[in-house]
Amino acid sequence: MSMIKAILVDDELFALKELQLQLESLPNIQIIGSFTNPLESFFNITMLNPDVVFLDIDMPEVSGIYLAEQIMTTHPQVKIIFVTAFDKYAINAFELNAVDYILKPFTLERIKKTISKLEEKIEKNINTDIHSLSNQYKESVKKFFIYEQDNIILLNIKDIYYIEALNKFVRIRTKDRFYNSNHSLNYFENKLKNLDFFRTHRGYLVNLDKVAEIMPKINYSFDIRMTDTNDLIPVSRTNIKLLKQLLEL
């Protein structure tokens, strides 16, 4: 089999160097890039064209699971191997979804087994179902990738006021503008489930930190008024009680 071209991504420099040393001792691995910045690694994948990305999960700006999703969307031929400290929840999710992973601290024996499985996947062109993994793994997303023509915008979730489901896409509202995404509202709700976002209505996901007031309407229904924008967001009758509890009203 030909040489496997690999990119390494880990925000911890020591761990990155340790993994690189271990992999460089193997005859069939070529390290073509190593990055402590996950966003920089993503922007370099097209130019470097790796066969595999060794990807740390727990990174402060972008989670490894979310970054893997973006890689698989834009470069589906690239294989992913996750790197993580021991985490029973993560390992169970990986094994359930047949995802390859290496535990920290690294052992050469474990790395060799992982590379052997990788060679088989490359030969048979087997791709990892990252999207299924993402639905089960409780990740911490701090920024979303928004694709606009040839540009990628990194949108901080703190800047999101609400997300609205339209006919064939969703619209993301920030203070100054709207962004469109082809992902569903359920997708964003799953990504934001551990943060202060609430599904007020089947068509709206709202950042609770951006709520200015709850306004009663006729027929015992309510609207939310958002700060700065003055946009009004409907609240379903079934959700109003829980919303008031969350806002401590």
Foldseek 3Di string as FASTA:
>chain_A
DAAFEEEEEALDPVQQVQVVVLQVVDPRYDYPYYYNDLVVVLVCCVVSVGQEYEFEADDDAAGRLQSVVVCCVVPVNHAYEYEYADDPQLVVLCVVQVHHYAHPPGDSVSVVVSVVVSVVCNVVVPHGPSVVSLLRDQGAHQWDWADDPPDTDTHGPVQWFKWFDDDQWIWTDGLPDIGIDRDGPVVVCSNCVVDQWDPQDPGMIGRLVQWDDWAADPPRWIWTQGPNVRDTHTGDNVCPVVSCVVVVD
